[in-house]
Amino acid sequence: MKNDSSLHSQLSTFNSQLPKGYKQTEVGVIPEEWQVAQIGDLKPFVTSGSRGWASYYSDRGSLFVRITNLSRGTIYLDLEDSKFVNLPPDASEGTRTQLQEHDVLISITADIGIVGYVDPRVPTPAYINQHIALVRFDPSKTSGKFASYFLASEKPQKLFRASTDVGAKAGMSLLTVQKLQLALPSLSEQRAIAGALSDVDALIGALDQLIAKKRDLKQAAMQHLLTGQKRLPGFHGEWEVKRLGDVAELKNGYAFKSATYTDSGEFKIITIANVQDGCMDNTECSKISSFPIDIQTHHKLRRGDILISMTGNVGRVCRVNEDNCLLNQRVGKLVSTGVDGGLLFFLLSQRPFLVAMMGKAKGGAQGNLSVTDITEYQFHIPSDPSEQTAIAEVLSDMDAELAALTQRRDKTRALKQGMMQELLTGRTRLV
């Protein structure tokens, strides 16, 4: 009895700390007028796709939705990689698994818990395979779009994973799907929340499309400007063939000892893992606090330095994007001596250079490039240094525009996550 009293006291203390008008539930703190219900309590139609669809695959026909069409970044289906099926008229399984607008889709095998929503952009008829569950709510009582956003949010996803059926092959049964819980405001508030999040998703989608378009334009510009197929206004001089070693010096990195690494060092050690195609990924780097002066002279990097991977995935090129970085062994630094540095970076970022380096790599699975392998590479450049600089500036401006758009898109994604936390828990109310 004493234990019951103690527990009751603890719960009373906890509840007294809740904001006024809110309550603690299995899905977190929500407004008092919101309800918590299992999916099954709402009496939806719940099913999953059938096996044996491979015999119906076709180059054209009805859309066949698979887990690859679902994404954790958005509830809307990604139809870039689509498969199609042609069903015979008497295929009863097609009738059962045919999608309708407002359906909620949930992956129940493999990558479990990815949520999708069937909006008007999904062509009909469309069907699902056996790895996806379909939940169809009564739209006069529950918003499928709201339910999709709720199930895709942070707290429900944690509960989702905890509900996974564990066995020889992890998965979720349809019974488990029906036990998933939703926090439900009134239908009008559900629609308002879903509408606000959908507007942000539309903005993210528009930015994604614009970024893709700008990337295509940049790729076309590189193809024309770096080969001389198209000249910038005012330039008419000849182009010439140059050997990389004649216009740039290649310096190899230093063999830093792992025993000197520290979690809080001032300097980052840049390895081949940090050299990605076109960019330096320095999110995970070993660090060092101090180093001899001769290493600082030869191996300290500056913003804009051109790096190339010389082991493993050879031929990847990037530019250094921050200060206080040191060059590790098997990463080369190219120092321009007879060509515009910006132009050199764009030339080496092209696929012909990557293919050439992959062809020269020696040593089996873990290929290696020698200094000679790299410096013997040949390419065409304008003989006029001012044309070299002009080309580099045009492409750099395109890069800057892409970076600004990408940053805006990423900030919008972060804003959406914050909105989901606020709106789907009722901390911020729209009605």
Protein backbone atom coordinates (compact mmCIF):
# COMPACT_ATOMS: atom_id res chain seq x y z
CA MET A 1 0.00 0.00 0.00
CA LYS A 2 2.90 2.26 0.82
CA ASN A 3 4.30 1.67 -2.66
CA ASP A 4 0.94 2.57 -4.27
CA SER A 5 0.82 5.78 -2.25
CA SER A 6 4.36 6.64 -3.25
CA LEU A 7 3.61 6.04 -6.94
CA HIS A 8 0.42 8.11 -6.72
CA SER A 9 2.41 10.91 -5.09
CA GLN A 10 5.05 10.81 -7.85
CA LEU A 11 2.37 10.91 -10.57
CA SER A 12 0.61 13.81 -8.87
CA THR A 13 3.88 15.73 -8.66
CA PHE A 14 4.62 15.01 -12.34
CA ASN A 15 1.13 16.01 -13.48
CA SER A 16 1.32 19.25 -11.50
CA GLN A 17 4.38 20.19 -13.55
CA LEU A 18 2.50 19.87 -16.84
CA PRO A 19 1.43 23.05 -18.61
CA LYS A 20 -2.16 24.01 -17.88
CA GLY A 21 -4.55 22.39 -20.33
CA TYR A 22 -2.21 19.48 -21.16
CA LYS A 23 -2.04 15.84 -20.11
CA GLN A 24 0.53 13.05 -20.11
CA THR A 25 -0.31 10.11 -22.45
CA GLU A 26 1.34 7.07 -23.96
CA VAL A 27 2.37 9.19 -26.95
CA GLY A 28 3.61 12.13 -24.90
CA VAL A 29 2.20 15.37 -23.52
CA ILE A 30 -0.80 16.58 -25.55
CA PRO A 31 -3.71 19.00 -25.07
CA GLU A 32 -6.42 17.73 -22.76
CA GLU A 33 -9.10 17.74 -25.49
CA TRP A 34 -7.00 15.60 -27.82
CA GLN A 35 -7.70 11.88 -27.85
CA VAL A 36 -5.30 8.94 -28.00
CA ALA A 37 -6.50 6.00 -30.06
CA GLN A 38 -5.03 2.89 -31.58
CA ILE A 39 -5.34 2.75 -35.34
CA GLY A 40 -7.62 -0.27 -35.01
CA ASP A 41 -10.01 1.67 -32.73
CA LEU A 42 -10.78 3.98 -35.65
CA LYS A 43 -12.14 1.06 -37.73
CA PRO A 44 -10.03 1.66 -40.85
CA PHE A 45 -9.56 -0.71 -43.75
CA VAL A 46 -6.15 -2.36 -43.22
CA THR A 47 -4.42 -4.70 -45.64
CA SER A 48 -1.10 -5.40 -47.30
CA GLY A 49 -0.01 -6.32 -50.80
CA SER A 50 0.14 -9.83 -52.16
CA ARG A 51 3.07 -11.97 -53.23
CA GLY A 52 3.59 -13.15 -56.75
CA TRP A 53 3.34 -9.82 -58.55
CA ALA A 54 6.53 -10.43 -60.54
CA SER A 55 4.60 -12.25 -63.26
CA TYR A 56 2.60 -9.06 -63.86
CA TYR A 57 5.61 -6.71 -64.24
CA SER A 58 5.47 -4.62 -67.40
CA ASP A 59 7.28 -1.71 -69.04
CA ARG A 60 4.07 0.26 -68.81
CA GLY A 61 0.71 -0.09 -67.13
CA SER A 62 -0.42 0.54 -63.54
CA LEU A 63 1.93 1.91 -60.89
CA PHE A 64 3.32 -0.72 -58.49
CA VAL A 65 4.42 0.89 -55.21
CA ARG A 66 7.38 -0.62 -53.34
CA ILE A 67 9.36 0.39 -50.24
CA THR A 68 11.84 2.18 -52.52
CA ASN A 69 9.02 4.63 -53.33
CA LEU A 70 8.73 5.58 -49.64
CA SER A 71 11.08 8.03 -47.93
CA ARG A 72 11.82 9.04 -44.36
CA GLY A 73 12.33 12.62 -45.50
CA THR A 74 8.73 13.16 -46.63
CA ILE A 75 5.36 11.42 -46.53
CA TYR A 76 4.90 11.92 -50.27
CA LEU A 77 5.80 9.08 -52.62
CA ASP A 78 8.98 9.25 -54.69
CA LEU A 79 8.01 7.96 -58.13
CA GLU A 80 11.37 8.49 -59.86
CA ASP A 81 12.13 4.75 -59.74
CA SER A 82 8.76 3.21 -60.58
CA LYS A 83 7.72 -0.25 -61.62
CA PHE A 84 4.52 -1.07 -63.44
CA VAL A 85 2.15 -4.04 -63.64
CA ASN A 86 -0.51 -5.22 -66.04
CA LEU A 87 -3.23 -7.15 -64.22
CA PRO A 88 -5.74 -9.49 -65.85
CA PRO A 89 -9.39 -8.34 -65.51
CA ASP A 90 -10.22 -11.11 -63.02
CA ALA A 91 -7.33 -10.36 -60.59
CA SER A 92 -9.16 -10.12 -57.25
CA GLU A 93 -5.98 -9.22 -55.36
CA GLY A 94 -5.75 -6.10 -57.49
CA THR A 95 -9.13 -4.94 -56.23
CA ARG A 96 -8.12 -5.48 -52.60
CA THR A 97 -4.76 -3.72 -52.83
CA GLN A 98 -5.61 -0.89 -55.21
CA LEU A 99 -4.72 2.50 -53.72
CA GLN A 100 -7.10 5.39 -53.17
CA GLU A 101 -6.41 9.03 -52.40
CA HIS A 102 -5.75 9.67 -48.67
CA ASP A 103 -4.48 6.11 -48.04
CA VAL A 104 -1.66 5.78 -45.48
CA LEU A 105 1.19 3.40 -46.39
CA ILE A 106 3.62 1.85 -43.89
CA SER A 107 6.62 -0.36 -44.65
CA ILE A 108 6.31 -3.56 -42.58
CA THR A 109 9.44 -5.51 -43.57
CA ALA A 110 13.11 -4.68 -44.11
CA ASP A 111 13.32 -0.91 -43.41
CA ILE A 112 10.33 -0.86 -41.08
CA GLY A 113 8.16 2.14 -40.31
CA ILE A 114 8.58 4.37 -43.36
CA VAL A 115 5.30 6.23 -43.83
CA GLY A 116 3.77 7.35 -47.12
CA TYR A 117 0.64 9.22 -48.08
CA VAL A 118 -1.33 8.80 -51.31
CA ASP A 119 -2.05 12.26 -52.66
CA PRO A 120 -3.60 13.27 -56.03
CA ARG A 121 -0.17 13.19 -57.72
CA VAL A 122 -0.08 9.38 -57.45
CA PRO A 123 -1.45 8.02 -60.75
CA THR A 124 -4.29 5.54 -60.62
CA PRO A 125 -4.77 2.67 -60.68
CA ALA A 126 -1.85 1.84 -58.37
CA TYR A 127 -1.06 -1.19 -56.21
CA ILE A 128 1.27 -2.16 -53.35
CA ASN A 129 3.51 -5.16 -52.76
CA GLN A 130 3.58 -7.45 -49.74
CA HIS A 131 6.14 -5.32 -47.86
CA ILE A 132 3.72 -2.41 -47.40
CA ALA A 133 0.64 -2.08 -45.22
CA LEU A 134 -2.28 0.08 -46.37
CA VAL A 135 -4.45 1.93 -43.83
CA ARG A 136 -7.59 3.63 -45.14
CA PHE A 137 -9.39 5.85 -42.62
CA ASP A 138 -12.92 7.19 -42.87
CA PRO A 139 -12.11 10.74 -44.15
CA SER A 140 -15.17 12.15 -42.37
CA LYS A 141 -13.56 11.20 -39.04
CA THR A 142 -9.78 11.03 -39.52
CA SER A 143 -7.39 12.84 -41.87
CA GLY A 144 -5.08 10.35 -43.56
CA LYS A 145 -2.58 13.13 -44.22
CA PHE A 146 -2.51 14.10 -40.53
CA ALA A 147 -2.11 10.45 -39.51
CA SER A 148 0.79 10.11 -41.97
CA TYR A 149 2.59 13.15 -40.57
CA PHE A 150 1.97 11.99 -37.01
CA LEU A 151 3.29 8.48 -37.63
CA ALA A 152 6.36 9.90 -39.39
CA SER A 153 7.25 12.21 -36.48
CA GLU A 154 9.95 11.55 -33.90
CA LYS A 155 8.03 10.22 -30.89
CA PRO A 156 5.73 7.82 -32.80
CA GLN A 157 8.69 6.52 -34.78
CA LYS A 158 10.39 5.50 -31.52
CA LEU A 159 7.22 3.72 -30.41
CA PHE A 160 6.94 2.27 -33.90
CA ARG A 161 10.35 0.61 -33.63
CA ALA A 162 9.55 -0.69 -30.16
CA SER A 163 6.43 -2.38 -31.59
CA THR A 164 8.36 -4.32 -34.21
CA ASP A 165 7.70 -8.05 -34.21
CA VAL A 166 11.00 -9.85 -33.65
CA GLY A 167 11.61 -13.24 -35.15
CA ALA A 168 13.63 -15.00 -37.79
CA LYS A 169 12.89 -12.00 -39.99
CA ALA A 170 11.98 -8.75 -38.26
CA GLY A 171 8.74 -7.25 -39.43
CA MET A 172 5.33 -5.94 -38.45
CA SER A 173 2.09 -7.82 -38.71
CA LEU A 174 -1.14 -6.06 -39.65
CA LEU A 175 -2.31 -6.64 -36.07
CA THR A 176 0.72 -4.71 -34.82
CA VAL A 177 -0.01 -1.93 -37.29
CA GLN A 178 -3.53 -1.63 -35.87
CA LYS A 179 -2.08 -1.26 -32.36
CA LEU A 180 -0.07 1.82 -33.31
CA GLN A 181 -1.30 4.86 -31.43
CA LEU A 182 -2.32 8.28 -32.71
CA ALA A 183 -2.85 11.54 -30.84
CA LEU A 184 -5.93 13.05 -32.46
CA PRO A 185 -7.24 16.62 -32.24
CA SER A 186 -10.55 17.54 -33.83
CA LEU A 187 -10.89 16.81 -37.55
CA SER A 188 -10.68 20.53 -38.38
CA GLU A 189 -7.41 20.84 -36.44
CA GLN A 190 -6.06 17.67 -38.05
CA ARG A 191 -6.69 19.22 -41.45
CA ALA A 192 -5.16 22.55 -40.43
CA ILE A 193 -1.99 20.89 -39.11
CA ALA A 194 -1.66 18.66 -42.16
CA GLY A 195 -2.19 21.66 -44.43
CA ALA A 196 0.53 23.72 -42.73
CA LEU A 197 3.07 20.88 -42.91
CA SER A 198 2.07 20.14 -46.49
CA ASP A 199 2.79 23.76 -47.44
CA VAL A 200 6.32 23.45 -46.06
CA ASP A 201 6.79 20.15 -47.88
CA ALA A 202 5.70 21.86 -51.10
CA LEU A 203 8.34 24.56 -50.57
CA ILE A 204 11.02 21.91 -49.93
CA GLY A 205 9.92 20.07 -53.08
CA ALA A 206 10.10 23.27 -55.14
CA LEU A 207 13.61 23.96 -53.81
CA ASP A 208 14.67 20.39 -54.61
CA GLN A 209 13.46 20.83 -58.18
CA LEU A 210 15.23 24.17 -58.52
CA ILE A 211 18.47 22.70 -57.16
CA ALA A 212 18.25 19.81 -59.63
CA LYS A 213 17.65 22.25 -62.48
CA LYS A 214 20.60 24.44 -61.46
CA ARG A 215 22.83 21.36 -61.20
CA ASP A 216 21.86 20.33 -64.71
CA LEU A 217 22.60 23.84 -65.98
CA LYS A 218 25.99 23.83 -64.26
CA GLN A 219 26.83 20.41 -65.72
CA ALA A 220 25.95 21.64 -69.19
CA ALA A 221 28.02 24.80 -68.67
CA MET A 222 31.01 22.71 -67.56
CA GLN A 223 30.67 20.47 -70.58
CA HIS A 224 30.69 23.45 -72.94
CA LEU A 225 33.11 25.84 -71.23
CA LEU A 226 35.75 23.31 -70.15
CA THR A 227 36.03 21.81 -73.63
CA GLY A 228 35.91 25.03 -75.63
CA GLN A 229 32.66 24.01 -77.35
CA LYS A 230 31.31 27.37 -76.23
CA ARG A 231 33.45 30.45 -75.62
CA LEU A 232 32.72 33.31 -73.29
CA PRO A 233 32.21 36.69 -75.03
CA GLY A 234 35.44 38.45 -75.98
CA PHE A 235 37.72 35.40 -76.02
CA HIS A 236 39.06 33.91 -79.25
CA GLY A 237 42.57 32.65 -78.46
CA GLU A 238 43.86 29.12 -79.00
CA TRP A 239 43.65 26.32 -76.49
CA GLU A 240 46.59 24.08 -75.69
CA VAL A 241 47.26 20.64 -74.26
CA LYS A 242 48.91 20.67 -70.84
CA ARG A 243 50.32 17.96 -68.62
CA LEU A 244 49.08 18.30 -65.04
CA GLY A 245 52.60 18.11 -63.68
CA ASP A 246 53.59 21.11 -65.84
CA VAL A 247 50.96 23.43 -64.36
CA ALA A 248 50.62 22.15 -60.78
CA GLU A 249 52.74 20.63 -58.01
CA LEU A 250 51.47 17.54 -56.19
CA LYS A 251 52.28 17.19 -52.49
CA ASN A 252 51.50 14.07 -50.47
CA GLY A 253 50.23 14.15 -46.89
CA TYR A 254 52.00 13.29 -43.65
CA ALA A 255 51.78 9.98 -41.76
CA PHE A 256 50.25 11.23 -38.54
CA LYS A 257 50.38 8.72 -35.68
CA SER A 258 47.00 7.81 -34.22
CA ALA A 259 48.51 7.91 -30.72
CA THR A 260 48.65 11.71 -31.02
CA TYR A 261 44.93 12.06 -31.84
CA THR A 262 42.60 13.73 -29.36
CA ASP A 263 38.87 14.44 -29.20
CA SER A 264 39.34 18.16 -28.55
CA GLY A 265 42.37 19.05 -30.66
CA GLU A 266 42.52 22.31 -32.57
CA PHE A 267 43.53 20.79 -35.91
CA LYS A 268 41.54 18.31 -38.03
CA ILE A 269 43.34 15.48 -39.84
CA ILE A 270 42.00 15.21 -43.40
CA THR A 271 42.09 11.63 -44.69
CA ILE A 272 40.86 9.97 -47.89
CA ALA A 273 37.50 9.40 -46.13
CA ASN A 274 36.97 13.17 -46.03
CA VAL A 275 37.58 13.62 -49.77
CA GLN A 276 34.22 13.24 -51.51
CA ASP A 277 33.28 13.97 -55.12
CA GLY A 278 33.48 17.76 -55.39
CA CYS A 279 33.33 18.52 -51.66
CA MET A 280 35.25 17.97 -48.45
CA ASP A 281 33.16 16.18 -45.82
CA ASN A 282 34.75 17.09 -42.50
CA THR A 283 31.91 16.11 -40.18
CA GLU A 284 33.99 13.21 -38.80
CA CYS A 285 37.69 13.90 -38.41
CA SER A 286 40.43 12.82 -36.06
CA LYS A 287 42.07 15.78 -34.31
CA ILE A 288 45.48 16.75 -33.03
CA SER A 289 46.53 19.47 -30.60
CA SER A 290 50.01 20.36 -31.80
CA PHE A 291 52.56 19.39 -34.43
CA PRO A 292 56.16 20.27 -35.43
CA ILE A 293 56.76 23.49 -37.33
CA ASP A 294 57.99 21.67 -40.45
CA ILE A 295 54.68 19.81 -40.68
CA GLN A 296 52.84 23.10 -40.36
CA THR A 297 54.84 24.51 -43.25
CA HIS A 298 54.23 21.62 -45.65
CA HIS A 299 50.99 19.96 -44.54
CA LYS A 300 48.72 22.66 -43.14
CA LEU A 301 45.85 23.30 -45.55
CA ARG A 302 44.24 26.54 -46.65
CA ARG A 303 40.70 27.19 -47.84
CA GLY A 304 40.47 26.50 -51.55
CA ASP A 305 43.33 23.99 -51.68
CA ILE A 306 42.65 21.17 -54.15
CA LEU A 307 42.81 17.65 -52.70
CA ILE A 308 42.79 14.27 -54.47
CA SER A 309 42.32 10.79 -53.00
CA MET A 310 45.26 8.52 -53.85
CA THR A 311 44.09 5.26 -52.22
CA GLY A 312 40.81 3.33 -52.26
CA ASN A 313 38.24 5.35 -54.19
CA VAL A 314 40.97 7.05 -56.16
CA GLY A 315 40.57 10.19 -58.22
CA ARG A 316 38.01 11.98 -56.07
CA VAL A 317 38.71 15.71 -55.96
CA CYS A 318 37.56 18.39 -53.53
CA ARG A 319 38.48 21.81 -52.23
CA VAL A 320 39.30 22.57 -48.61
CA ASN A 321 36.38 24.41 -46.98
CA GLU A 322 37.77 25.44 -43.57
CA ASP A 323 40.96 26.45 -41.78
CA ASN A 324 43.02 24.51 -39.22
CA CYS A 325 43.21 21.31 -41.26
CA LEU A 326 46.23 19.04 -41.76
CA LEU A 327 46.84 16.72 -44.71
CA ASN A 328 47.16 13.01 -43.93
CA GLN A 329 49.09 10.51 -46.04
CA ARG A 330 47.59 9.16 -49.28
CA VAL A 331 45.77 12.43 -49.85
CA GLY A 332 47.43 14.67 -52.40
CA LYS A 333 47.36 18.46 -52.49
CA LEU A 334 47.64 20.12 -55.90
CA VAL A 335 49.25 23.54 -55.89
CA SER A 336 48.62 25.46 -59.10
CA THR A 337 51.74 26.93 -60.70
CA GLY A 338 50.75 27.61 -64.31
CA VAL A 339 46.95 27.57 -64.53
CA ASP A 340 44.07 29.29 -62.75
CA GLY A 341 43.40 27.30 -59.57
CA GLY A 342 39.64 27.52 -59.93
CA LEU A 343 39.76 26.27 -63.49
CA LEU A 344 42.04 23.42 -62.44
CA PHE A 345 39.54 22.28 -59.82
CA PHE A 346 36.65 22.24 -62.27
CA LEU A 347 38.73 20.38 -64.88
CA LEU A 348 39.69 17.67 -62.40
CA SER A 349 36.10 17.40 -61.12
CA GLN A 350 35.03 16.12 -64.52
CA ARG A 351 34.41 12.43 -65.11
CA PRO A 352 37.27 11.97 -67.65
CA PHE A 353 39.81 12.63 -64.87
CA LEU A 354 38.11 10.19 -62.47
CA VAL A 355 37.96 7.47 -65.13
CA ALA A 356 41.61 8.02 -66.02
CA MET A 357 42.72 7.73 -62.39
CA MET A 358 40.63 4.59 -61.81
CA GLY A 359 42.30 3.08 -64.87
CA LYS A 360 45.77 3.82 -63.49
CA ALA A 361 45.14 2.57 -59.93
CA LYS A 362 47.31 -0.38 -58.91
CA GLY A 363 47.15 -2.83 -56.04
CA GLY A 364 43.93 -4.78 -56.42
CA ALA A 365 40.80 -3.99 -54.42
CA GLN A 366 42.54 -1.18 -52.50
CA GLY A 367 43.92 0.67 -55.51
CA ASN A 368 46.71 3.21 -55.22
CA LEU A 369 47.86 6.11 -57.36
CA SER A 370 51.44 7.20 -57.64
CA VAL A 371 52.51 10.82 -58.07
CA THR A 372 53.37 10.06 -61.70
CA ASP A 373 49.94 8.54 -62.35
CA ILE A 374 48.39 11.87 -61.44
CA THR A 375 50.89 14.35 -62.85
CA GLU A 376 50.98 12.68 -66.30
CA TYR A 377 47.28 13.42 -66.87
CA GLN A 378 46.71 15.75 -69.85
CA PHE A 379 43.93 18.23 -70.62
CA HIS A 380 43.09 21.26 -72.78
CA ILE A 381 43.08 24.79 -71.36
CA PRO A 382 42.86 28.28 -72.85
CA SER A 383 46.28 29.79 -73.45
CA ASP A 384 44.93 33.16 -72.27
CA PRO A 385 45.06 33.30 -68.42
CA SER A 386 42.20 35.81 -68.37
CA GLU A 387 39.93 33.31 -70.15
CA GLN A 388 40.91 30.65 -67.62
CA THR A 389 39.90 32.99 -64.79
CA ALA A 390 36.67 34.03 -66.52
CA ILE A 391 35.56 30.39 -66.96
CA ALA A 392 36.38 29.63 -63.33
CA GLU A 393 34.39 32.65 -62.15
CA VAL A 394 31.28 31.66 -64.14
CA LEU A 395 31.34 28.13 -62.70
CA SER A 396 32.15 29.41 -59.19
CA ASP A 397 29.13 31.73 -59.34
CA MET A 398 26.98 28.73 -60.25
CA ASP A 399 28.43 26.81 -57.31
CA ALA A 400 27.68 29.71 -54.96
CA GLU A 401 24.08 29.86 -56.18
CA LEU A 402 23.70 26.11 -55.66
CA ALA A 403 25.21 26.35 -52.17
CA ALA A 404 22.79 29.15 -51.22
CA LEU A 405 19.79 27.18 -52.51
CA THR A 406 20.95 24.03 -50.72
CA GLN A 407 21.39 25.96 -47.47
CA ARG A 408 17.92 27.44 -47.84
CA ARG A 409 16.47 23.97 -48.51
CA ASP A 410 18.24 22.51 -45.47
CA LYS A 411 17.03 25.33 -43.23
CA THR A 412 13.48 24.75 -44.48
CA ARG A 413 13.79 21.05 -43.65
CA ALA A 414 14.94 21.97 -40.13
CA LEU A 415 12.00 24.38 -39.84
CA LYS A 416 9.64 21.60 -40.84
CA GLN A 417 11.03 19.31 -38.13
CA GLY A 418 10.47 22.04 -35.57
CA MET A 419 6.93 22.60 -36.84
CA MET A 420 6.18 18.89 -36.56
CA GLN A 421 7.33 18.88 -32.94
CA GLU A 422 5.15 21.88 -32.16
CA LEU A 423 2.01 21.08 -34.15
CA LEU A 424 1.79 17.30 -33.73
CA THR A 425 2.09 17.56 -29.93
CA GLY A 426 -0.32 20.49 -29.64
CA ARG A 427 2.30 22.82 -28.15
CA THR A 428 1.37 25.26 -30.92
CA ARG A 429 -2.30 25.39 -31.90
CA LEU A 430 -3.72 26.47 -35.26
CA VAL A 431 -7.41 26.48 -34.38
